[in-house]
């Protein structure tokens, strides 16, 4: 079977991990360095009192866990059925 369809899935997963680490670092920075907000207020979204960078990072992370799940399912179905061709690979990179 052709495994080229796995690479765009890997890139999207890598992007999700990078955004997760970025938002975690920003959250920790606001809790420990700025100390303007207690840690309990950052536990659950939405972060009304956080900075705009934190709000945008959290929204981005939330979006990366919603619609791309369908992308993973479609790519796995294409891989399992053996229908991997250049068209599906280009569509997967286009989605990424």
PDB file of N, CA and C in Angstrom:
ATOM      1  N   UNK A   1       0.830  -1.192   0.000  1.00  0.00           N
ATOM      2  CA  UNK A   1       0.000   0.000   0.000  1.00  0.00           C
ATOM      3  C   UNK A   1       0.867   1.246   0.000  1.00  0.00           C
ATOM      4  N   UNK A   2       0.329   2.280  -0.541  1.00  0.00           N
ATOM      5  CA  UNK A   2       1.045   3.533  -0.635  1.00  0.00           C
ATOM      6  C   UNK A   2       0.869   4.318   0.673  1.00  0.00           C
ATOM      7  N   UNK A   3       1.955   4.683   1.274  1.00  0.00           N
ATOM      8  CA  UNK A   3       1.896   5.355   2.579  1.00  0.00           C
ATOM      9  C   UNK A   3       2.104   6.861   2.498  1.00  0.00           C
ATOM     10  N   UNK A   4       2.054   7.431   1.315  1.00  0.00           N
ATOM     11  CA  UNK A   4       2.268   8.872   1.184  1.00  0.00           C
ATOM     12  C   UNK A   4       1.128   9.691   1.778  1.00  0.00           C
ATOM     13  N   UNK A   5      -0.021   9.079   1.961  1.00  0.00           N
ATOM     14  CA  UNK A   5      -1.169   9.792   2.532  1.00  0.00           C
ATOM     15  C   UNK A   5      -0.973  10.020   4.042  1.00  0.00           C
ATOM     16  N   UNK A   6      -0.054   9.286   4.646  1.00  0.00           N
ATOM     17  CA  UNK A   6       0.195   9.419   6.088  1.00  0.00           C
ATOM     18  C   UNK A   6       0.950  10.713   6.405  1.00  0.00           C
ATOM     19  N   UNK A   7       1.771  11.180   5.484  1.00  0.00           N
ATOM     20  CA  UNK A   7       2.608  12.353   5.755  1.00  0.00           C
ATOM     21  C   UNK A   7       1.799  13.629   6.029  1.00  0.00           C
ATOM     22  N   UNK A   8       0.748  13.969   5.257  1.00  0.00           N
ATOM     23  CA  UNK A   8      -0.042  15.158   5.638  1.00  0.00           C
ATOM     24  C   UNK A   8      -0.732  15.005   6.995  1.00  0.00           C
ATOM     25  N   UNK A   9      -1.108  13.780   7.336  1.00  0.00           N
ATOM     26  CA  UNK A   9      -1.694  13.549   8.661  1.00  0.00           C
ATOM     27  C   UNK A   9      -0.659  13.817   9.747  1.00  0.00           C
ATOM     28  N   UNK A  10       0.565  13.395   9.498  1.00  0.00           N
ATOM     29  CA  UNK A  10       1.651  13.639  10.458  1.00  0.00           C
ATOM     30  C   UNK A  10       1.902  15.137  10.618  1.00  0.00           C
ATOM     31  N   UNK A  11       1.916  15.871   9.518  1.00  0.00           N
ATOM     32  CA  UNK A  11       2.154  17.315   9.589  1.00  0.00           C
ATOM     33  C   UNK A  11       1.049  18.028  10.368  1.00  0.00           C
ATOM     34  N   UNK A  12      -0.195  17.621  10.159  1.00  0.00           N
ATOM     35  CA  UNK A  12      -1.288  18.243  10.889  1.00  0.00           C
ATOM     36  C   UNK A  12      -1.225  17.906  12.376  1.00  0.00           C
ATOM     37  N   UNK A  13      -0.830  16.685  12.687  1.00  0.00           N
ATOM     38  CA  UNK A  13      -0.668  16.306  14.087  1.00  0.00           C
ATOM     39  C   UNK A  13       0.488  17.087  14.719  1.00  0.00           C
ATOM     40  N   UNK A  14       1.559  17.286  13.966  1.00  0.00           N
ATOM     41  CA  UNK A  14       2.685  18.071  14.460  1.00  0.00           C
ATOM     42  C   UNK A  14       2.279  19.518  14.707  1.00  0.00           C
ATOM     43  N   UNK A  15       1.474  20.079  13.819  1.00  0.00           N
ATOM     44  CA  UNK A  15       0.967  21.437  14.015  1.00  0.00           C
ATOM     45  C   UNK A  15       0.116  21.527  15.276  1.00  0.00           C
ATOM     46  N   UNK A  16      -0.700  20.522  15.519  1.00  0.00           N
ATOM     47  CA  UNK A  16      -1.534  20.503  16.716  1.00  0.00           C
ATOM     48  C   UNK A  16      -0.678  20.469  17.976  1.00  0.00           C
ATOM     49  N   UNK A  17       0.376  19.681  17.967  1.00  0.00           N
ATOM     50  CA  UNK A  17       1.267  19.605  19.129  1.00  0.00           C
ATOM     51  C   UNK A  17       1.980  20.938  19.347  1.00  0.00           C
ATOM     52  N   UNK A  18       2.412  21.573  18.277  1.00  0.00           N
ATOM     53  CA  UNK A  18       3.105  22.859  18.405  1.00  0.00           C
ATOM     54  C   UNK A  18       2.159  23.921  18.976  1.00  0.00           C
ATOM     55  N   UNK A  19       0.924  23.970  18.497  1.00  0.00           N
ATOM     56  CA  UNK A  19      -0.041  24.942  19.017  1.00  0.00           C
ATOM     57  C   UNK A  19      -0.371  24.636  20.475  1.00  0.00           C
ATOM     58  N   UNK A  20      -0.466  23.350  20.822  1.00  0.00           N
ATOM     59  CA  UNK A  20      -0.718  22.973  22.212  1.00  0.00           C
ATOM     60  C   UNK A  20       0.413  23.436  23.119  1.00  0.00           C
ATOM     61  N   UNK A  21       1.652  23.203  22.724  1.00  0.00           N
ATOM     62  CA  UNK A  21       2.788  23.640  23.540  1.00  0.00           C
ATOM     63  C   UNK A  21       2.861  25.160  23.632  1.00  0.00           C
ATOM     64  N   UNK A  22       2.569  25.841  22.530  1.00  0.00           N
ATOM     65  CA  UNK A  22       2.578  27.303  22.531  1.00  0.00           C
ATOM     66  C   UNK A  22       1.538  27.865  23.495  1.00  0.00           C
ATOM     67  N   UNK A  23       0.316  27.334  23.425  1.00  0.00           N
ATOM     68  CA  UNK A  23      -0.729  27.844  24.311  1.00  0.00           C
ATOM     69  C   UNK A  23      -0.447  27.498  25.770  1.00  0.00           C
ATOM     70  N   UNK A  24       0.161  26.341  26.008  1.00  0.00           N
ATOM     71  CA  UNK A  24       0.520  25.978  27.382  1.00  0.00           C
ATOM     72  C   UNK A  24       1.586  26.908  27.932  1.00  0.00           C
ATOM     73  N   UNK A  25       2.581  27.222  27.116  1.00  0.00           N
ATOM     74  CA  UNK A  25       3.635  28.141  27.558  1.00  0.00           C
ATOM     75  C   UNK A  25       3.085  29.543  27.830  1.00  0.00           C
ATOM     76  N   UNK A  26       2.187  30.007  26.989  1.00  0.00           N
ATOM     77  CA  UNK A  26       1.592  31.327  27.209  1.00  0.00           C
ATOM     78  C   UNK A  26       0.748  31.326  28.477  1.00  0.00           C
ATOM     79  N   UNK A  27       0.004  30.259  28.700  1.00  0.00           N
ATOM     80  CA  UNK A  27      -0.815  30.167  29.907  1.00  0.00           C
ATOM     81  C   UNK A  27       0.066  30.167  31.157  1.00  0.00           C
ATOM     82  N   UNK A  28       1.140  29.383  31.138  1.00  0.00           N
ATOM     83  CA  UNK A  28       2.044  29.346  32.289  1.00  0.00           C
ATOM     84  C   UNK A  28       2.730  30.688  32.506  1.00  0.00           C
ATOM     85  N   UNK A  29       3.071  31.367  31.414  1.00  0.00           N
ATOM     86  CA  UNK A  29       3.684  32.689  31.531  1.00  0.00           C
ATOM     87  C   UNK A  29       2.731  33.661  32.220  1.00  0.00           C
ATOM     88  N   UNK A  30       1.463  33.627  31.833  1.00  0.00           N
ATOM     89  CA  UNK A  30       0.508  34.548  32.452  1.00  0.00           C
ATOM     90  C   UNK A  30       0.228  34.198  33.906  1.00  0.00           C
ATOM     91  N   UNK A  31       0.293  32.924  34.243  1.00  0.00           N
ATOM     92  CA  UNK A  31       0.023  32.530  35.622  1.00  0.00           C
ATOM     93  C   UNK A  31       1.202  32.855  36.526  1.00  0.00           C
ATOM     94  N   UNK A  32       2.415  32.482  36.100  1.00  0.00           N
ATOM     95  CA  UNK A  32       3.570  32.585  36.999  1.00  0.00           C
ATOM     96  C   UNK A  32       4.355  33.883  36.860  1.00  0.00           C
ATOM     97  N   UNK A  33       4.464  34.435  35.668  1.00  0.00           N
ATOM     98  CA  UNK A  33       5.264  35.646  35.509  1.00  0.00           C
ATOM     99  C   UNK A  33       4.445  36.917  35.680  1.00  0.00           C
ATOM    100  N   UNK A  34       3.274  36.965  35.072  1.00  0.00           N
ATOM    101  CA  UNK A  34       2.461  38.175  35.193  1.00  0.00           C
ATOM    102  C   UNK A  34       1.744  38.240  36.533  1.00  0.00           C
ATOM    103  N   UNK A  35       1.320  37.105  37.044  1.00  0.00           N
ATOM    104  CA  UNK A  35       0.646  36.965  38.330  1.00  0.00           C
ATOM    105  C   UNK A  35      -0.548  37.908  38.487  1.00  0.00           C
ATOM    106  N   UNK A  36      -1.112  38.311  37.359  1.00  0.00           N
ATOM    107  CA  UNK A  36      -2.308  39.156  37.439  1.00  0.00           C
ATOM    108  C   UNK A  36      -3.566  38.307  37.520  1.00  0.00           C
ATOM    109  N   UNK A  37      -3.440  37.034  37.161  1.00  0.00           N
ATOM    110  CA  UNK A  37      -4.584  36.130  37.142  1.00  0.00           C
ATOM    111  C   UNK A  37      -4.193  34.868  37.892  1.00  0.00           C
ATOM    112  N   UNK A  38      -5.108  34.366  38.697  1.00  0.00           N
ATOM    113  CA  UNK A  38      -4.793  33.139  39.420  1.00  0.00           C
ATOM    114  C   UNK A  38      -4.852  31.943  38.481  1.00  0.00           C
ATOM    115  N   UNK A  39      -4.201  30.875  38.861  1.00  0.00           N
ATOM    116  CA  UNK A  39      -4.163  29.677  38.036  1.00  0.00           C
ATOM    117  C   UNK A  39      -5.509  29.018  37.881  1.00  0.00           C
ATOM    118  N   UNK A  40      -6.373  29.195  38.865  1.00  0.00           N
ATOM    119  CA  UNK A  40      -7.695  28.575  38.804  1.00  0.00           C
ATOM    120  C   UNK A  40      -8.554  29.184  37.691  1.00  0.00           C
ATOM    121  N   UNK A  41      -8.319  30.446  37.359  1.00  0.00           N
ATOM    122  CA  UNK A  41      -9.079  31.093  36.293  1.00  0.00           C
ATOM    123  C   UNK A  41      -8.655  30.611  34.910  1.00  0.00           C
ATOM    124  N   UNK A  42      -7.486  30.002  34.804  1.00  0.00           N
ATOM    125  CA  UNK A  42      -6.997  29.501  33.522  1.00  0.00           C
ATOM    126  C   UNK A  42      -7.271  28.026  33.331  1.00  0.00           C
ATOM    127  N   UNK A  43      -7.980  27.426  34.237  1.00  0.00           N
ATOM    128  CA  UNK A  43      -8.183  25.978  34.160  1.00  0.00           C
ATOM    129  C   UNK A  43      -9.137  25.581  33.044  1.00  0.00           C
ATOM    130  N   UNK A  44     -10.249  26.291  32.892  1.00  0.00           N
ATOM    131  CA  UNK A  44     -11.257  25.924  31.904  1.00  0.00           C
ATOM    132  C   UNK A  44     -11.505  27.081  30.949  1.00  0.00           C
ATOM    133  N   UNK A  45     -11.638  26.795  29.648  1.00  0.00           N
ATOM    134  CA  UNK A  45     -11.974  27.862  28.700  1.00  0.00           C
ATOM    135  C   UNK A  45     -13.395  28.332  28.931  1.00  0.00           C
ATOM    136  N   UNK A  46     -13.796  29.495  28.570  1.00  0.00           N
ATOM    137  CA  UNK A  46     -13.018  30.541  27.920  1.00  0.00           C
ATOM    138  C   UNK A  46     -12.222  31.357  28.932  1.00  0.00           C
ATOM    139  N   UNK A  47     -11.132  31.888  28.495  1.00  0.00           N
ATOM    140  CA  UNK A  47     -10.260  32.667  29.363  1.00  0.00           C
ATOM    141  C   UNK A  47     -10.600  34.138  29.158  1.00  0.00           C
ATOM    142  N   UNK A  48     -11.572  34.606  29.888  1.00  0.00           N
ATOM    143  CA  UNK A  48     -12.058  35.974  29.697  1.00  0.00           C
ATOM    144  C   UNK A  48     -11.037  37.015  30.135  1.00  0.00           C
ATOM    145  N   UNK A  49     -10.237  36.699  31.131  1.00  0.00           N
ATOM    146  CA  UNK A  49      -9.306  37.686  31.660  1.00  0.00           C
ATOM    147  C   UNK A  49      -7.892  37.530  31.119  1.00  0.00           C
ATOM    148  N   UNK A  50      -7.664  36.599  30.218  1.00  0.00           N
ATOM    149  CA  UNK A  50      -6.328  36.393  29.661  1.00  0.00           C
ATOM    150  C   UNK A  50      -6.038  37.375  28.537  1.00  0.00           C
ATOM    151  N   UNK A  51      -4.823  37.301  28.027  1.00  0.00           N
ATOM    152  CA  UNK A  51      -4.433  38.178  26.927  1.00  0.00           C
ATOM    153  C   UNK A  51      -5.054  37.696  25.621  1.00  0.00           C
ATOM    154  N   UNK A  52      -5.012  38.560  24.624  1.00  0.00           N
ATOM    155  CA  UNK A  52      -5.565  38.200  23.319  1.00  0.00           C
ATOM    156  C   UNK A  52      -4.773  37.076  22.664  1.00  0.00           C
ATOM    157  N   UNK A  53      -3.479  37.029  22.916  1.00  0.00           N
ATOM    158  CA  UNK A  53      -2.659  35.959  22.349  1.00  0.00           C
ATOM    159  C   UNK A  53      -3.089  34.614  22.921  1.00  0.00           C
ATOM    160  N   UNK A  54      -3.355  34.559  24.211  1.00  0.00           N
ATOM    161  CA  UNK A  54      -3.809  33.320  24.835  1.00  0.00           C
ATOM    162  C   UNK A  54      -5.181  32.914  24.321  1.00  0.00           C
ATOM    163  N   UNK A  55      -6.083  33.867  24.190  1.00  0.00           N
ATOM    164  CA  UNK A  55      -7.415  33.560  23.682  1.00  0.00           C
ATOM    165  C   UNK A  55      -7.348  33.013  22.265  1.00  0.00           C
ATOM    166  N   UNK A  56      -6.550  33.644  21.415  1.00  0.00           N
ATOM    167  CA  UNK A  56      -6.437  33.182  20.033  1.00  0.00           C
ATOM    168  C   UNK A  56      -5.768  31.815  19.947  1.00  0.00           C
ATOM    169  N   UNK A  57      -4.764  31.575  20.768  1.00  0.00           N
ATOM    170  CA  UNK A  57      -4.100  30.264  20.755  1.00  0.00           C
ATOM    171  C   UNK A  57      -5.054  29.170  21.219  1.00  0.00           C
ATOM    172  N   UNK A  58      -5.855  29.450  22.229  1.00  0.00           N
ATOM    173  CA  UNK A  58      -6.803  28.455  22.706  1.00  0.00           C
ATOM    174  C   UNK A  58      -7.905  28.188  21.686  1.00  0.00           C
ATOM    175  N   UNK A  59      -8.361  29.221  21.010  1.00  0.00           N
ATOM    176  CA  UNK A  59      -9.368  29.023  19.957  1.00  0.00           C
ATOM    177  C   UNK A  59      -8.787  28.213  18.803  1.00  0.00           C
ATOM    178  N   UNK A  60      -7.551  28.503  18.454  1.00  0.00           N
ATOM    179  CA  UNK A  60      -6.891  27.753  17.393  1.00  0.00           C
ATOM    180  C   UNK A  60      -6.740  26.288  17.776  1.00  0.00           C
ATOM    181  N   UNK A  61      -6.359  26.026  19.000  1.00  0.00           N
ATOM    182  CA  UNK A  61      -6.216  24.652  19.471  1.00  0.00           C
ATOM    183  C   UNK A  61      -7.564  23.934  19.482  1.00  0.00           C
ATOM    184  N   UNK A  62      -8.599  24.616  19.889  1.00  0.00           N
ATOM    185  CA  UNK A  62      -9.932  24.015  19.875  1.00  0.00           C
ATOM    186  C   UNK A  62     -10.350  23.658  18.455  1.00  0.00           C
ATOM    187  N   UNK A  63     -10.070  24.531  17.514  1.00  0.00           N
ATOM    188  CA  UNK A  63     -10.408  24.252  16.117  1.00  0.00           C
ATOM    189  C   UNK A  63      -9.601  23.089  15.563  1.00  0.00           C
ATOM    190  N   UNK A  64      -8.374  22.923  16.025  1.00  0.00           N
ATOM    191  CA  UNK A  64      -7.553  21.809  15.550  1.00  0.00           C
ATOM    192  C   UNK A  64      -8.019  20.464  16.085  1.00  0.00           C
ATOM    193  N   UNK A  65      -8.884  20.458  17.085  1.00  0.00           N
ATOM    194  CA  UNK A  65      -9.431  19.207  17.593  1.00  0.00           C
ATOM    195  C   UNK A  65     -10.854  18.949  17.098  1.00  0.00           C
ATOM    196  N   UNK A  66     -11.410  19.827  16.283  1.00  0.00           N
ATOM    197  CA  UNK A  66     -12.781  19.634  15.816  1.00  0.00           C
ATOM    198  C   UNK A  66     -12.825  19.078  14.393  1.00  0.00           C
ATOM    199  N   UNK A  67     -12.638  19.891  13.401  1.00  0.00           N
ATOM    200  CA  UNK A  67     -12.820  19.475  12.013  1.00  0.00           C
ATOM    201  C   UNK A  67     -11.715  18.552  11.491  1.00  0.00           C
ATOM    202  N   UNK A  68     -10.461  18.718  11.854  1.00  0.00           N
ATOM    203  CA  UNK A  68      -9.423  17.811  11.334  1.00  0.00           C
ATOM    204  C   UNK A  68      -9.609  16.347  11.718  1.00  0.00           C
ATOM    205  N   UNK A  69     -10.441  16.056  12.701  1.00  0.00           N
ATOM    206  CA  UNK A  69     -10.714  14.653  13.025  1.00  0.00           C
ATOM    207  C   UNK A  69     -11.332  13.958  11.812  1.00  0.00           C
ATOM    208  N   UNK A  70     -12.205  14.642  11.087  1.00  0.00           N
ATOM    209  CA  UNK A  70     -12.777  14.076   9.857  1.00  0.00           C
ATOM    210  C   UNK A  70     -11.701  13.855   8.806  1.00  0.00           C
ATOM    211  N   UNK A  71     -10.723  14.751   8.754  1.00  0.00           N
ATOM    212  CA  UNK A  71      -9.603  14.592   7.831  1.00  0.00           C
ATOM    213  C   UNK A  71      -8.831  13.316   8.135  1.00  0.00           C
ATOM    214  N   UNK A  72      -8.572  13.061   9.413  1.00  0.00           N
ATOM    215  CA  UNK A  72      -7.864  11.840   9.791  1.00  0.00           C
ATOM    216  C   UNK A  72      -8.668  10.602   9.400  1.00  0.00           C
ATOM    217  N   UNK A  73      -9.970  10.638   9.625  1.00  0.00           N
ATOM    218  CA  UNK A  73     -10.819   9.486   9.303  1.00  0.00           C
ATOM    219  C   UNK A  73     -10.826   9.224   7.801  1.00  0.00           C
ATOM    220  N   UNK A  74     -10.957  10.272   7.010  1.00  0.00           N
ATOM    221  CA  UNK A  74     -10.978  10.101   5.552  1.00  0.00           C
ATOM    222  C   UNK A  74      -9.645   9.575   5.050  1.00  0.00           C
ATOM    223  N   UNK A  75      -8.540  10.115   5.574  1.00  0.00           N
ATOM    224  CA  UNK A  75      -7.221   9.644   5.144  1.00  0.00           C
ATOM    225  C   UNK A  75      -7.001   8.182   5.524  1.00  0.00           C
ATOM    226  N   UNK A  76      -7.433   7.790   6.684  1.00  0.00           N
ATOM    227  CA  UNK A  76      -7.278   6.392   7.103  1.00  0.00           C
ATOM    228  C   UNK A  76      -8.151   5.487   6.233  1.00  0.00           C
ATOM    229  N   UNK A  77      -9.356   5.933   5.902  1.00  0.00           N
ATOM    230  CA  UNK A  77     -10.222   5.135   5.018  1.00  0.00           C
ATOM    231  C   UNK A  77      -9.606   4.991   3.627  1.00  0.00           C
ATOM    232  N   UNK A  78      -9.032   6.056   3.115  1.00  0.00           N
ATOM    233  CA  UNK A  78      -8.371   5.982   1.809  1.00  0.00           C
ATOM    234  C   UNK A  78      -7.194   5.027   1.874  1.00  0.00           C
ATOM    235  N   UNK A  79      -6.443   5.073   2.945  1.00  0.00           N
ATOM    236  CA  UNK A  79      -5.291   4.192   3.098  1.00  0.00           C
ATOM    237  C   UNK A  79      -5.715   2.725   3.216  1.00  0.00           C
ATOM    238  N   UNK A  80      -6.743   2.453   4.004  1.00  0.00           N
ATOM    239  CA  UNK A  80      -7.190   1.078   4.222  1.00  0.00           C
ATOM    240  C   UNK A  80      -7.759   0.462   2.941  1.00  0.00           C
ATOM    241  N   UNK A  81      -8.512   1.263   2.189  1.00  0.00           N
ATOM    242  CA  UNK A  81      -9.100   0.730   0.964  1.00  0.00           C
ATOM    243  C   UNK A  81      -8.100   0.629  -0.179  1.00  0.00           C
ATOM    244  N   UNK A  82      -6.917   1.202  -0.027  1.00  0.00           N
ATOM    245  CA  UNK A  82      -5.889   1.109  -1.060  1.00  0.00           C
ATOM    246  C   UNK A  82      -6.125   2.035  -2.237  1.00  0.00           C
ATOM    247  N   UNK A  83      -6.877   3.096  -2.042  1.00  0.00           N
ATOM    248  CA  UNK A  83      -7.173   4.045  -3.120  1.00  0.00           C
ATOM    249  C   UNK A  83      -6.259   5.257  -3.114  1.00  0.00           C
ATOM    250  N   UNK A  84      -5.073   5.132  -2.569  1.00  0.00           N
ATOM    251  CA  UNK A  84      -4.156   6.266  -2.487  1.00  0.00           C
ATOM    252  C   UNK A  84      -3.604   6.546  -3.881  1.00  0.00           C
ATOM    253  N   UNK A  85      -3.841   7.759  -4.360  1.00  0.00           N
ATOM    254  CA  UNK A  85      -3.241   8.190  -5.619  1.00  0.00           C
ATOM    255  C   UNK A  85      -2.831   9.656  -5.481  1.00  0.00           C
ATOM    256  N   UNK A  86      -2.280  10.215  -6.541  1.00  0.00           N
ATOM    257  CA  UNK A  86      -1.764  11.587  -6.488  1.00  0.00           C
ATOM    258  C   UNK A  86      -2.874  12.603  -6.212  1.00  0.00           C
ATOM    259  N   UNK A  87      -4.074  12.329  -6.663  1.00  0.00           N
ATOM    260  CA  UNK A  87      -5.195  13.240  -6.441  1.00  0.00           C
ATOM    261  C   UNK A  87      -5.508  13.353  -4.945  1.00  0.00           C
ATOM    262  N   UNK A  88      -5.633  12.222  -4.262  1.00  0.00           N
ATOM    263  CA  UNK A  88      -5.931  12.254  -2.830  1.00  0.00           C
ATOM    264  C   UNK A  88      -4.770  12.832  -2.024  1.00  0.00           C
ATOM    265  N   UNK A  89      -3.557  12.546  -2.450  1.00  0.00           N
ATOM    266  CA  UNK A  89      -2.396  13.099  -1.744  1.00  0.00           C
ATOM    267  C   UNK A  89      -2.361  14.617  -1.886  1.00  0.00           C
ATOM    268  N   UNK A  90      -2.633  15.129  -3.087  1.00  0.00           N
ATOM    269  CA  UNK A  90      -2.641  16.594  -3.265  1.00  0.00           C
ATOM    270  C   UNK A  90      -3.790  17.238  -2.489  1.00  0.00           C
ATOM    271  N   UNK A  91      -4.946  16.554  -2.424  1.00  0.00           N
ATOM    272  CA  UNK A  91      -6.047  17.094  -1.612  1.00  0.00           C
ATOM    273  C   UNK A  91      -5.687  17.121  -0.128  1.00  0.00           C
ATOM    274  N   UNK A  92      -4.988  16.089   0.329  1.00  0.00           N
ATOM    275  CA  UNK A  92      -4.581  16.056   1.739  1.00  0.00           C
ATOM    276  C   UNK A  92      -3.600  17.169   2.062  1.00  0.00           C
ATOM    277  N   UNK A  93      -2.643  17.407   1.160  1.00  0.00           N
ATOM    278  CA  UNK A  93      -1.710  18.523   1.391  1.00  0.00           C
ATOM    279  C   UNK A  93      -2.434  19.860   1.299  1.00  0.00           C
ATOM    280  N   UNK A  94      -3.423  19.964   0.429  1.00  0.00           N
ATOM    281  CA  UNK A  94      -4.170  21.195   0.298  1.00  0.00           C
ATOM    282  C   UNK A  94      -4.953  21.485   1.573  1.00  0.00           C
ATOM    283  N   UNK A  95      -5.526  20.439   2.190  1.00  0.00           N
ATOM    284  CA  UNK A  95      -6.247  20.634   3.438  1.00  0.00           C
ATOM    285  C   UNK A  95      -5.313  21.067   4.551  1.00  0.00           C
ATOM    286  N   UNK A  96      -4.120  20.495   4.575  1.00  0.00           N
ATOM    287  CA  UNK A  96      -3.151  20.846   5.609  1.00  0.00           C
ATOM    288  C   UNK A  96      -2.750  22.289   5.442  1.00  0.00           C
TER     289      UNK A  96
END
